[in-house]
Amino acid sequence: MERTPPDRRDLLGACREGVIAICELAAHFSDWSVPTPCKEWEAIDLAGHLRCVAENFHEYLNDAPNSRLSRLFAQDAPAALMMRQLSRQNAAELAVLPSAEGRDHIVAFAVSAEAYSDRLLDVWDEPYLSYRGTKLTAGDYAGAVCVEWHLHAWDLARALDKDHRPSRPDVIADAWRTGVPHLPAPGRGDEWEAVLRASGRSPDWHPE
């Protein structure tokens, strides 16, 4: 399927919408030990992950196009191997994250995520990484960032037995196709549900 980048303003707007949704959902948690759709992660783990990932994105941008993320993609390894490597990285970062309340992690996440969006316009067309002949700029990879925020907003919503649906599912689907070159593109049908399924999630997931 053709990689058609979302409009820059639409993509940045969708990124900020995802951050706002995560912050609003965080305010509803009284128990951060509840399960989430992310296998083996409670809500507190997901909050910590969001904080780590937002910080990592700054590191990757600082070091682009020679960041540790770009070096991983440059191996052109199968997607499953890359995902395992990223999972090990996530686990290691969570293990050393300072103990904090879930909302504290979300506040730190929001500060980093908003600052990242503010940085993007100045480096939008700069080289970022390459995977199997597909070259991404910083603006292209903003699609992956946008998808990350909305997927995890959905995870938090489902942990509360609520729902999250982006206002522009078409932007999120295009963001995936542009910013996630190592995984299959979302299929046809409802675009948001297609993104959820492409990420390995079940749109019907609810807490037990």
N, C-alpha and C. Protein backbone atom coordinates (compact mmCIF):
# COMPACT_ATOMS: atom_id res chain seq x y z
N MET A 1 0.85 -1.20 0.00
CA MET A 1 0.00 0.00 0.00
C MET A 1 0.88 1.24 0.00
N GLU A 2 0.49 2.26 -0.75
CA GLU A 2 1.30 3.48 -0.89
C GLU A 2 1.44 4.20 0.44
N ARG A 3 2.64 4.71 0.68
CA ARG A 3 2.90 5.49 1.88
C ARG A 3 2.58 6.95 1.59
N THR A 4 1.43 7.41 2.06
CA THR A 4 1.02 8.79 1.86
C THR A 4 1.09 9.51 3.20
N PRO A 5 2.10 10.37 3.40
CA PRO A 5 2.24 11.02 4.70
C PRO A 5 1.02 11.88 5.03
N PRO A 6 0.60 11.88 6.28
CA PRO A 6 -0.48 12.78 6.67
C PRO A 6 -0.02 14.23 6.54
N ASP A 7 -0.97 15.13 6.40
CA ASP A 7 -0.65 16.55 6.45
C ASP A 7 0.07 16.86 7.76
N ARG A 8 1.10 17.68 7.67
CA ARG A 8 1.93 17.97 8.84
C ARG A 8 1.11 18.52 10.01
N ARG A 9 0.23 19.45 9.72
CA ARG A 9 -0.58 20.03 10.79
C ARG A 9 -1.54 19.01 11.39
N ASP A 10 -2.11 18.17 10.51
CA ASP A 10 -3.01 17.12 11.01
C ASP A 10 -2.27 16.15 11.91
N LEU A 11 -1.05 15.79 11.51
CA LEU A 11 -0.28 14.83 12.29
C LEU A 11 0.11 15.40 13.65
N LEU A 12 0.60 16.62 13.67
CA LEU A 12 0.97 17.23 14.95
C LEU A 12 -0.25 17.43 15.84
N GLY A 13 -1.39 17.78 15.21
CA GLY A 13 -2.62 17.90 15.98
C GLY A 13 -3.03 16.57 16.58
N ALA A 14 -2.87 15.49 15.81
CA ALA A 14 -3.22 14.16 16.32
C ALA A 14 -2.27 13.74 17.44
N CYS A 15 -1.00 14.10 17.32
CA CYS A 15 -0.05 13.80 18.40
C CYS A 15 -0.49 14.46 19.70
N ARG A 16 -0.82 15.73 19.61
CA ARG A 16 -1.22 16.46 20.82
C ARG A 16 -2.55 15.91 21.37
N GLU A 17 -3.44 15.51 20.47
CA GLU A 17 -4.70 14.91 20.92
C GLU A 17 -4.42 13.64 21.72
N GLY A 18 -3.45 12.83 21.28
CA GLY A 18 -3.11 11.63 22.01
C GLY A 18 -2.55 11.92 23.38
N VAL A 19 -1.69 12.93 23.48
CA VAL A 19 -1.12 13.31 24.77
C VAL A 19 -2.21 13.80 25.72
N ILE A 20 -3.11 14.63 25.21
CA ILE A 20 -4.21 15.14 26.04
C ILE A 20 -5.10 14.00 26.52
N ALA A 21 -5.39 13.06 25.64
CA ALA A 21 -6.24 11.93 26.02
C ALA A 21 -5.59 11.12 27.14
N ILE A 22 -4.28 10.88 27.04
CA ILE A 22 -3.58 10.13 28.08
C ILE A 22 -3.66 10.86 29.41
N CYS A 23 -3.44 12.16 29.40
CA CYS A 23 -3.50 12.94 30.64
C CYS A 23 -4.91 12.93 31.25
N GLU A 24 -5.91 13.07 30.41
CA GLU A 24 -7.28 13.06 30.92
C GLU A 24 -7.65 11.70 31.49
N LEU A 25 -7.23 10.64 30.84
CA LEU A 25 -7.53 9.30 31.34
C LEU A 25 -6.80 9.03 32.65
N ALA A 26 -5.57 9.52 32.76
CA ALA A 26 -4.80 9.30 33.98
C ALA A 26 -5.51 9.86 35.21
N ALA A 27 -6.26 10.92 35.02
CA ALA A 27 -6.96 11.54 36.14
C ALA A 27 -8.05 10.66 36.72
N HIS A 28 -8.46 9.62 35.98
CA HIS A 28 -9.54 8.74 36.44
C HIS A 28 -9.05 7.53 37.21
N PHE A 29 -7.74 7.33 37.27
CA PHE A 29 -7.23 6.15 37.96
C PHE A 29 -7.16 6.37 39.47
N SER A 30 -7.78 5.47 40.21
CA SER A 30 -7.58 5.42 41.66
C SER A 30 -6.72 4.22 42.02
N ASP A 31 -6.69 3.24 41.14
CA ASP A 31 -5.89 2.02 41.33
C ASP A 31 -5.04 1.80 40.08
N TRP A 32 -3.74 1.98 40.22
CA TRP A 32 -2.83 1.84 39.09
C TRP A 32 -2.32 0.41 38.93
N SER A 33 -2.88 -0.52 39.71
CA SER A 33 -2.47 -1.91 39.59
C SER A 33 -3.41 -2.72 38.69
N VAL A 34 -4.36 -2.04 38.06
CA VAL A 34 -5.31 -2.76 37.20
C VAL A 34 -4.62 -3.22 35.92
N PRO A 35 -5.09 -4.33 35.33
CA PRO A 35 -4.47 -4.83 34.10
C PRO A 35 -4.79 -3.94 32.90
N THR A 36 -3.95 -4.03 31.90
CA THR A 36 -4.15 -3.30 30.64
C THR A 36 -4.11 -4.30 29.49
N PRO A 37 -4.48 -3.86 28.29
CA PRO A 37 -4.35 -4.76 27.13
C PRO A 37 -2.91 -5.12 26.79
N CYS A 38 -1.94 -4.37 27.33
CA CYS A 38 -0.53 -4.69 27.12
C CYS A 38 -0.17 -5.88 28.01
N LYS A 39 0.13 -6.98 27.42
CA LYS A 39 0.35 -8.23 28.14
C LYS A 39 1.34 -8.06 29.28
N GLU A 40 0.93 -8.49 30.46
CA GLU A 40 1.76 -8.50 31.67
C GLU A 40 2.03 -7.11 32.23
N TRP A 41 1.38 -6.07 31.70
CA TRP A 41 1.58 -4.73 32.22
C TRP A 41 0.34 -4.25 32.95
N GLU A 42 0.55 -3.78 34.17
CA GLU A 42 -0.49 -3.05 34.88
C GLU A 42 -0.44 -1.59 34.44
N ALA A 43 -1.43 -0.82 34.85
CA ALA A 43 -1.49 0.58 34.43
C ALA A 43 -0.25 1.35 34.87
N ILE A 44 0.30 1.03 36.04
CA ILE A 44 1.49 1.73 36.51
C ILE A 44 2.68 1.45 35.60
N ASP A 45 2.76 0.22 35.07
CA ASP A 45 3.84 -0.12 34.14
C ASP A 45 3.69 0.66 32.84
N LEU A 46 2.46 0.78 32.38
CA LEU A 46 2.21 1.52 31.15
C LEU A 46 2.55 3.00 31.32
N ALA A 47 2.22 3.56 32.49
CA ALA A 47 2.56 4.96 32.77
C ALA A 47 4.07 5.15 32.76
N GLY A 48 4.80 4.22 33.37
CA GLY A 48 6.25 4.30 33.35
C GLY A 48 6.82 4.15 31.96
N HIS A 49 6.23 3.25 31.17
CA HIS A 49 6.67 3.06 29.79
C HIS A 49 6.49 4.33 28.98
N LEU A 50 5.37 4.98 29.13
CA LEU A 50 5.12 6.23 28.41
C LEU A 50 6.18 7.28 28.75
N ARG A 51 6.51 7.36 30.02
CA ARG A 51 7.54 8.31 30.44
C ARG A 51 8.88 7.98 29.77
N CYS A 52 9.25 6.70 29.78
CA CYS A 52 10.53 6.28 29.18
C CYS A 52 10.55 6.53 27.67
N VAL A 53 9.47 6.17 27.00
CA VAL A 53 9.43 6.30 25.55
C VAL A 53 9.52 7.77 25.13
N ALA A 54 8.80 8.63 25.84
CA ALA A 54 8.86 10.05 25.51
C ALA A 54 10.28 10.59 25.67
N GLU A 55 10.97 10.14 26.71
CA GLU A 55 12.36 10.56 26.90
C GLU A 55 13.25 9.99 25.80
N ASN A 56 12.99 8.74 25.43
CA ASN A 56 13.78 8.11 24.36
C ASN A 56 13.65 8.86 23.04
N PHE A 57 12.45 9.31 22.73
CA PHE A 57 12.24 10.01 21.46
C PHE A 57 13.14 11.24 21.36
N HIS A 58 13.35 11.93 22.48
CA HIS A 58 14.26 13.07 22.47
C HIS A 58 15.69 12.60 22.19
N GLU A 59 16.08 11.51 22.82
CA GLU A 59 17.42 10.96 22.58
C GLU A 59 17.60 10.60 21.11
N TYR A 60 16.61 9.91 20.54
CA TYR A 60 16.71 9.50 19.14
C TYR A 60 16.82 10.71 18.22
N LEU A 61 16.07 11.76 18.54
CA LEU A 61 16.12 12.96 17.72
C LEU A 61 17.47 13.67 17.86
N ASN A 62 17.97 13.70 19.08
CA ASN A 62 19.29 14.32 19.31
C ASN A 62 20.38 13.64 18.49
N ASP A 63 20.30 12.31 18.41
CA ASP A 63 21.36 11.52 17.80
C ASP A 63 21.10 11.14 16.34
N ALA A 64 19.96 11.51 15.81
CA ALA A 64 19.62 11.15 14.42
C ALA A 64 20.63 11.77 13.46
N PRO A 65 20.98 11.06 12.40
CA PRO A 65 20.46 9.75 11.97
C PRO A 65 21.30 8.57 12.47
N ASN A 66 22.04 8.76 13.57
CA ASN A 66 22.90 7.69 14.08
C ASN A 66 22.51 7.27 15.49
N SER A 67 21.23 7.36 15.81
CA SER A 67 20.76 6.99 17.14
C SER A 67 20.79 5.47 17.31
N ARG A 68 20.65 5.02 18.54
CA ARG A 68 20.59 3.56 18.76
C ARG A 68 19.36 2.96 18.08
N LEU A 69 18.30 3.75 17.94
CA LEU A 69 17.12 3.25 17.23
C LEU A 69 17.43 3.09 15.74
N SER A 70 18.10 4.08 15.15
CA SER A 70 18.42 3.99 13.73
C SER A 70 19.40 2.85 13.47
N ARG A 71 20.31 2.60 14.40
CA ARG A 71 21.23 1.47 14.24
C ARG A 71 20.50 0.14 14.29
N LEU A 72 19.48 0.07 15.15
CA LEU A 72 18.67 -1.15 15.21
C LEU A 72 17.93 -1.37 13.89
N PHE A 73 17.30 -0.32 13.36
CA PHE A 73 16.57 -0.46 12.10
C PHE A 73 17.52 -0.76 10.95
N ALA A 74 18.74 -0.22 11.00
CA ALA A 74 19.69 -0.41 9.91
C ALA A 74 20.13 -1.86 9.75
N GLN A 75 19.88 -2.69 10.78
CA GLN A 75 20.21 -4.10 10.68
C GLN A 75 19.28 -4.83 9.69
N ASP A 76 18.16 -4.17 9.36
CA ASP A 76 17.17 -4.77 8.45
C ASP A 76 16.72 -6.14 8.93
N ALA A 77 16.66 -6.32 10.23
CA ALA A 77 16.26 -7.59 10.82
C ALA A 77 14.76 -7.80 10.66
N PRO A 78 14.30 -9.06 10.75
CA PRO A 78 12.86 -9.30 10.72
C PRO A 78 12.16 -8.53 11.84
N ALA A 79 10.92 -8.16 11.59
CA ALA A 79 10.18 -7.34 12.55
C ALA A 79 10.09 -8.01 13.92
N ALA A 80 9.88 -9.33 13.94
CA ALA A 80 9.74 -10.03 15.22
C ALA A 80 10.99 -9.89 16.07
N LEU A 81 12.17 -9.97 15.44
CA LEU A 81 13.42 -9.82 16.17
C LEU A 81 13.56 -8.40 16.70
N MET A 82 13.23 -7.42 15.88
CA MET A 82 13.31 -6.04 16.32
C MET A 82 12.38 -5.77 17.49
N MET A 83 11.18 -6.34 17.43
CA MET A 83 10.23 -6.12 18.50
C MET A 83 10.72 -6.74 19.80
N ARG A 84 11.38 -7.90 19.71
CA ARG A 84 11.93 -8.51 20.92
C ARG A 84 13.03 -7.65 21.51
N GLN A 85 13.87 -7.09 20.64
CA GLN A 85 14.94 -6.22 21.13
C GLN A 85 14.38 -4.97 21.80
N LEU A 86 13.36 -4.39 21.19
CA LEU A 86 12.74 -3.21 21.79
C LEU A 86 12.05 -3.56 23.10
N SER A 87 11.46 -4.75 23.18
CA SER A 87 10.81 -5.18 24.42
C SER A 87 11.82 -5.34 25.54
N ARG A 88 12.99 -5.90 25.21
CA ARG A 88 14.04 -6.04 26.23
C ARG A 88 14.51 -4.66 26.69
N GLN A 89 14.63 -3.73 25.74
CA GLN A 89 15.01 -2.37 26.10
C GLN A 89 13.97 -1.75 27.02
N ASN A 90 12.69 -1.93 26.68
CA ASN A 90 11.62 -1.37 27.51
C ASN A 90 11.66 -1.94 28.92
N ALA A 91 11.88 -3.26 29.03
CA ALA A 91 11.91 -3.91 30.34
C ALA A 91 13.08 -3.39 31.17
N ALA A 92 14.24 -3.21 30.52
CA ALA A 92 15.41 -2.71 31.25
C ALA A 92 15.19 -1.29 31.75
N GLU A 93 14.54 -0.46 30.96
CA GLU A 93 14.30 0.92 31.36
C GLU A 93 13.28 0.99 32.49
N LEU A 94 12.25 0.17 32.42
CA LEU A 94 11.27 0.15 33.50
C LEU A 94 11.88 -0.32 34.81
N ALA A 95 12.83 -1.25 34.72
CA ALA A 95 13.45 -1.81 35.92
C ALA A 95 14.24 -0.77 36.71
N VAL A 96 14.76 0.24 36.02
CA VAL A 96 15.58 1.25 36.71
C VAL A 96 14.85 2.59 36.86
N LEU A 97 13.59 2.63 36.46
CA LEU A 97 12.83 3.87 36.59
C LEU A 97 12.56 4.16 38.06
N PRO A 98 12.80 5.40 38.51
CA PRO A 98 12.54 5.71 39.92
C PRO A 98 11.08 5.45 40.29
N SER A 99 10.88 4.96 41.48
CA SER A 99 9.53 4.69 41.95
C SER A 99 8.73 5.99 42.01
N ALA A 100 7.52 5.95 41.49
CA ALA A 100 6.68 7.15 41.48
C ALA A 100 5.23 6.73 41.31
N GLU A 101 4.33 7.64 41.63
CA GLU A 101 2.92 7.40 41.39
C GLU A 101 2.65 7.43 39.88
N GLY A 102 1.59 6.74 39.48
CA GLY A 102 1.24 6.71 38.07
C GLY A 102 1.06 8.10 37.49
N ARG A 103 0.38 8.96 38.22
CA ARG A 103 0.14 10.31 37.69
C ARG A 103 1.43 11.10 37.56
N ASP A 104 2.42 10.84 38.43
CA ASP A 104 3.70 11.52 38.32
C ASP A 104 4.41 11.10 37.02
N HIS A 105 4.33 9.82 36.71
CA HIS A 105 4.90 9.36 35.44
C HIS A 105 4.21 10.03 34.26
N ILE A 106 2.90 10.18 34.34
CA ILE A 106 2.15 10.78 33.24
C ILE A 106 2.49 12.26 33.09
N VAL A 107 2.67 12.95 34.20
CA VAL A 107 3.07 14.36 34.12
C VAL A 107 4.42 14.49 33.42
N ALA A 108 5.38 13.64 33.80
CA ALA A 108 6.70 13.67 33.17
C ALA A 108 6.59 13.31 31.69
N PHE A 109 5.75 12.33 31.38
CA PHE A 109 5.51 11.97 29.99
C PHE A 109 4.99 13.16 29.20
N ALA A 110 3.99 13.84 29.72
CA ALA A 110 3.34 14.94 28.99
C ALA A 110 4.33 16.06 28.71
N VAL A 111 5.17 16.38 29.67
CA VAL A 111 6.16 17.43 29.47
C VAL A 111 7.10 17.05 28.33
N SER A 112 7.58 15.80 28.35
CA SER A 112 8.50 15.35 27.29
C SER A 112 7.81 15.29 25.94
N ALA A 113 6.59 14.76 25.93
CA ALA A 113 5.87 14.59 24.66
C ALA A 113 5.56 15.94 24.01
N GLU A 114 5.14 16.90 24.80
CA GLU A 114 4.84 18.22 24.24
C GLU A 114 6.11 18.90 23.74
N ALA A 115 7.20 18.75 24.48
CA ALA A 115 8.46 19.35 24.05
C ALA A 115 8.94 18.70 22.75
N TYR A 116 8.71 17.41 22.60
CA TYR A 116 9.10 16.72 21.37
C TYR A 116 8.33 17.28 20.18
N SER A 117 7.04 17.46 20.32
CA SER A 117 6.24 18.02 19.23
C SER A 117 6.74 19.41 18.85
N ASP A 118 7.12 20.19 19.85
CA ASP A 118 7.61 21.54 19.59
C ASP A 118 8.92 21.52 18.80
N ARG A 119 9.72 20.48 18.98
CA ARG A 119 11.02 20.39 18.30
C ARG A 119 10.88 19.97 16.85
N LEU A 120 9.82 19.26 16.52
CA LEU A 120 9.75 18.59 15.23
C LEU A 120 9.76 19.52 14.02
N LEU A 121 9.09 20.64 14.11
CA LEU A 121 8.98 21.51 12.94
C LEU A 121 10.33 21.96 12.42
N ASP A 122 11.30 22.15 13.31
CA ASP A 122 12.62 22.61 12.88
C ASP A 122 13.45 21.52 12.22
N VAL A 123 13.07 20.26 12.41
CA VAL A 123 13.89 19.15 11.87
C VAL A 123 13.04 18.20 11.02
N TRP A 124 11.88 18.63 10.60
CA TRP A 124 10.89 17.75 9.97
C TRP A 124 11.47 16.94 8.81
N ASP A 125 12.26 17.58 7.98
CA ASP A 125 12.77 16.91 6.77
C ASP A 125 14.17 16.34 6.93
N GLU A 126 14.67 16.31 8.16
CA GLU A 126 16.01 15.78 8.40
C GLU A 126 15.99 14.24 8.41
N PRO A 127 17.05 13.58 7.92
CA PRO A 127 17.11 12.11 7.94
C PRO A 127 17.00 11.58 9.36
N TYR A 128 16.28 10.46 9.50
CA TYR A 128 16.03 9.92 10.83
C TYR A 128 16.49 8.47 10.94
N LEU A 129 15.99 7.60 10.05
CA LEU A 129 16.42 6.21 10.03
C LEU A 129 16.05 5.59 8.69
N SER A 130 16.53 4.36 8.48
CA SER A 130 16.24 3.64 7.24
C SER A 130 15.99 2.18 7.57
N TYR A 131 15.01 1.59 6.89
CA TYR A 131 14.71 0.17 7.11
C TYR A 131 14.40 -0.49 5.77
N ARG A 132 15.26 -1.42 5.38
CA ARG A 132 15.07 -2.18 4.15
C ARG A 132 14.78 -1.30 2.94
N GLY A 133 15.56 -0.25 2.80
CA GLY A 133 15.43 0.64 1.66
C GLY A 133 14.43 1.77 1.83
N THR A 134 13.64 1.74 2.90
CA THR A 134 12.70 2.81 3.17
C THR A 134 13.35 3.83 4.10
N LYS A 135 13.53 5.04 3.61
CA LYS A 135 14.17 6.09 4.39
C LYS A 135 13.12 6.99 5.03
N LEU A 136 13.28 7.23 6.30
CA LEU A 136 12.34 8.06 7.04
C LEU A 136 13.02 9.34 7.52
N THR A 137 12.31 10.43 7.41
CA THR A 137 12.74 11.69 8.01
C THR A 137 12.17 11.76 9.43
N ALA A 138 12.59 12.78 10.16
CA ALA A 138 12.03 12.99 11.50
C ALA A 138 10.52 13.18 11.42
N GLY A 139 10.06 13.87 10.38
CA GLY A 139 8.62 14.07 10.20
C GLY A 139 7.89 12.77 9.90
N ASP A 140 8.52 11.90 9.10
CA ASP A 140 7.91 10.60 8.85
C ASP A 140 7.76 9.81 10.15
N TYR A 141 8.82 9.80 10.96
CA TYR A 141 8.78 9.00 12.18
C TYR A 141 7.82 9.60 13.21
N ALA A 142 7.45 10.86 13.03
CA ALA A 142 6.42 11.42 13.90
C ALA A 142 5.13 10.62 13.79
N GLY A 143 4.95 9.93 12.66
CA GLY A 143 3.80 9.05 12.53
C GLY A 143 3.82 7.94 13.55
N ALA A 144 5.00 7.35 13.78
CA ALA A 144 5.12 6.29 14.79
C ALA A 144 4.85 6.84 16.18
N VAL A 145 5.31 8.06 16.44
CA VAL A 145 5.07 8.70 17.74
C VAL A 145 3.58 8.89 17.95
N CYS A 146 2.91 9.39 16.94
CA CYS A 146 1.47 9.63 17.02
C CYS A 146 0.71 8.33 17.30
N VAL A 147 1.07 7.29 16.57
CA VAL A 147 0.43 5.98 16.77
C VAL A 147 0.67 5.50 18.20
N GLU A 148 1.89 5.66 18.69
CA GLU A 148 2.23 5.23 20.06
C GLU A 148 1.31 5.89 21.08
N TRP A 149 1.14 7.20 20.97
CA TRP A 149 0.31 7.90 21.96
C TRP A 149 -1.14 7.42 21.91
N HIS A 150 -1.69 7.27 20.72
CA HIS A 150 -3.10 6.88 20.64
C HIS A 150 -3.34 5.43 21.04
N LEU A 151 -2.42 4.55 20.69
CA LEU A 151 -2.58 3.16 21.11
C LEU A 151 -2.54 3.06 22.63
N HIS A 152 -1.63 3.78 23.26
CA HIS A 152 -1.55 3.69 24.72
C HIS A 152 -2.67 4.47 25.40
N ALA A 153 -3.22 5.47 24.74
CA ALA A 153 -4.44 6.10 25.28
C ALA A 153 -5.56 5.06 25.29
N TRP A 154 -5.64 4.29 24.22
CA TRP A 154 -6.67 3.23 24.17
C TRP A 154 -6.42 2.19 25.25
N ASP A 155 -5.15 1.82 25.48
CA ASP A 155 -4.83 0.86 26.53
C ASP A 155 -5.30 1.36 27.90
N LEU A 156 -5.01 2.62 28.19
CA LEU A 156 -5.43 3.19 29.47
C LEU A 156 -6.95 3.25 29.58
N ALA A 157 -7.58 3.63 28.49
CA ALA A 157 -9.04 3.70 28.49
C ALA A 157 -9.65 2.33 28.76
N ARG A 158 -9.14 1.32 28.09
CA ARG A 158 -9.68 -0.03 28.28
C ARG A 158 -9.43 -0.53 29.70
N ALA A 159 -8.29 -0.16 30.30
CA ALA A 159 -8.03 -0.55 31.68
C ALA A 159 -9.08 0.01 32.63
N LEU A 160 -9.66 1.16 32.24
CA LEU A 160 -10.73 1.79 33.03
C LEU A 160 -12.11 1.33 32.57
N ASP A 161 -12.15 0.40 31.64
CA ASP A 161 -13.39 -0.05 31.00
C ASP A 161 -14.09 1.10 30.28
N LYS A 162 -13.26 1.97 29.69
CA LYS A 162 -13.73 3.06 28.86
C LYS A 162 -13.24 2.81 27.43
N ASP A 163 -13.38 3.79 26.57
CA ASP A 163 -12.90 3.66 25.20
C ASP A 163 -12.16 4.92 24.80
N HIS A 164 -11.28 4.77 23.86
CA HIS A 164 -10.59 5.91 23.24
C HIS A 164 -10.62 5.71 21.74
N ARG A 165 -11.04 6.74 21.05
CA ARG A 165 -11.05 6.72 19.60
C ARG A 165 -10.58 8.07 19.10
N PRO A 166 -9.51 8.12 18.32
CA PRO A 166 -9.04 9.41 17.82
C PRO A 166 -10.08 10.09 16.94
N SER A 167 -10.06 11.41 16.92
CA SER A 167 -11.04 12.14 16.12
C SER A 167 -10.80 11.97 14.63
N ARG A 168 -9.53 11.64 14.25
CA ARG A 168 -9.18 11.44 12.84
C ARG A 168 -8.50 10.09 12.67
N PRO A 169 -9.26 9.01 12.67
CA PRO A 169 -8.65 7.69 12.48
C PRO A 169 -7.86 7.59 11.18
N ASP A 170 -8.28 8.34 10.16
CA ASP A 170 -7.56 8.30 8.89
C ASP A 170 -6.14 8.83 9.04
N VAL A 171 -5.96 9.85 9.87
CA VAL A 171 -4.62 10.39 10.11
C VAL A 171 -3.77 9.35 10.83
N ILE A 172 -4.35 8.65 11.79
CA ILE A 172 -3.59 7.64 12.54
C ILE A 172 -3.19 6.49 11.61
N ALA A 173 -4.10 6.07 10.75
CA ALA A 173 -3.79 4.98 9.82
C ALA A 173 -2.68 5.41 8.85
N ASP A 174 -2.75 6.62 8.32
CA ASP A 174 -1.70 7.12 7.44
C ASP A 174 -0.38 7.29 8.20
N ALA A 175 -0.48 7.70 9.47
CA ALA A 175 0.72 7.85 10.29
C ALA A 175 1.42 6.50 10.45
N TRP A 176 0.64 5.44 10.63
CA TRP A 176 1.22 4.09 10.73
C TRP A 176 1.93 3.74 9.42
N ARG A 177 1.26 3.93 8.32
CA ARG A 177 1.83 3.53 7.02
C ARG A 177 3.12 4.28 6.72
N THR A 178 3.22 5.51 7.21
CA THR A 178 4.42 6.32 6.96
C THR A 178 5.51 6.07 7.98
N GLY A 179 5.13 5.92 9.24
CA GLY A 179 6.11 5.90 10.32
C GLY A 179 6.47 4.55 10.88
N VAL A 180 5.80 3.49 10.42
CA VAL A 180 6.06 2.14 10.97
C VAL A 180 6.39 1.21 9.81
N PRO A 181 7.59 1.33 9.23
CA PRO A 181 7.91 0.58 8.01
C PRO A 181 8.16 -0.90 8.24
N HIS A 182 8.38 -1.32 9.49
CA HIS A 182 8.76 -2.71 9.76
C HIS A 182 7.57 -3.62 10.05
N LEU A 183 6.38 -3.06 10.14
CA LEU A 183 5.19 -3.86 10.44
C LEU A 183 4.16 -3.71 9.33
N PRO A 184 3.34 -4.74 9.10
CA PRO A 184 2.33 -4.66 8.04
C PRO A 184 1.39 -3.47 8.27
N ALA A 185 0.96 -2.86 7.18
CA ALA A 185 0.04 -1.72 7.26
C ALA A 185 -1.33 -2.19 7.74
N PRO A 186 -2.09 -1.30 8.37
CA PRO A 186 -3.46 -1.66 8.76
C PRO A 186 -4.28 -2.09 7.56
N GLY A 187 -5.20 -3.02 7.80
CA GLY A 187 -6.05 -3.52 6.72
C GLY A 187 -7.21 -2.60 6.42
N ARG A 188 -8.17 -3.15 5.75
CA ARG A 188 -9.34 -2.36 5.34
C ARG A 188 -10.40 -2.35 6.44
N GLY A 189 -11.47 -1.60 6.19
CA GLY A 189 -12.55 -1.50 7.16
C GLY A 189 -12.38 -0.28 8.05
N ASP A 190 -12.94 -0.33 9.24
CA ASP A 190 -12.83 0.77 10.19
C ASP A 190 -11.35 1.05 10.44
N GLU A 191 -10.91 2.28 10.18
CA GLU A 191 -9.47 2.56 10.20
C GLU A 191 -8.86 2.46 11.60
N TRP A 192 -9.59 2.89 12.61
CA TRP A 192 -9.03 2.80 13.97
C TRP A 192 -8.96 1.34 14.41
N GLU A 193 -10.00 0.56 14.17
CA GLU A 193 -9.95 -0.86 14.52
C GLU A 193 -8.85 -1.57 13.74
N ALA A 194 -8.62 -1.15 12.50
CA ALA A 194 -7.56 -1.76 11.70
C ALA A 194 -6.19 -1.46 12.31
N VAL A 195 -6.00 -0.25 12.84
CA VAL A 195 -4.74 0.08 13.51
C VAL A 195 -4.58 -0.76 14.77
N LEU A 196 -5.65 -0.90 15.55
CA LEU A 196 -5.58 -1.72 16.76
C LEU A 196 -5.18 -3.14 16.41
N ARG A 197 -5.78 -3.70 15.40
CA ARG A 197 -5.47 -5.09 15.01
C ARG A 197 -4.04 -5.19 14.48
N ALA A 198 -3.60 -4.20 13.71
CA ALA A 198 -2.23 -4.23 13.18
C ALA A 198 -1.21 -4.21 14.31
N SER A 199 -1.57 -3.60 15.43
CA SER A 199 -0.66 -3.53 16.58
C SER A 199 -0.71 -4.79 17.43
N GLY A 200 -1.59 -5.72 17.08
CA GLY A 200 -1.74 -6.95 17.85
C GLY A 200 -2.79 -6.88 18.93
N ARG A 201 -3.56 -5.79 18.96
CA ARG A 201 -4.59 -5.63 19.97
C ARG A 201 -5.93 -6.14 19.46
N SER A 202 -6.80 -6.50 20.39
CA SER A 202 -8.17 -6.88 20.07
C SER A 202 -9.09 -5.72 20.39
N PRO A 203 -9.82 -5.19 19.42
CA PRO A 203 -10.72 -4.08 19.71
C PRO A 203 -11.78 -4.42 20.75
N ASP A 204 -12.01 -5.71 20.99
CA ASP A 204 -13.03 -6.14 21.95
C ASP A 204 -12.47 -6.37 23.35
N TRP A 205 -11.20 -6.04 23.59
CA TRP A 205 -10.61 -6.31 24.91
C TRP A 205 -11.28 -5.49 25.99
N HIS A 206 -11.60 -6.17 27.09
CA HIS A 206 -12.13 -5.50 28.29
C HIS A 206 -11.48 -6.14 29.51
N PRO A 207 -11.35 -5.41 30.61
CA PRO A 207 -10.79 -6.00 31.82
C PRO A 207 -11.69 -7.13 32.33
N GLU A 208 -11.08 -8.15 32.87
CA GLU A 208 -11.87 -9.29 33.38
C GLU A 208 -12.63 -8.89 34.63
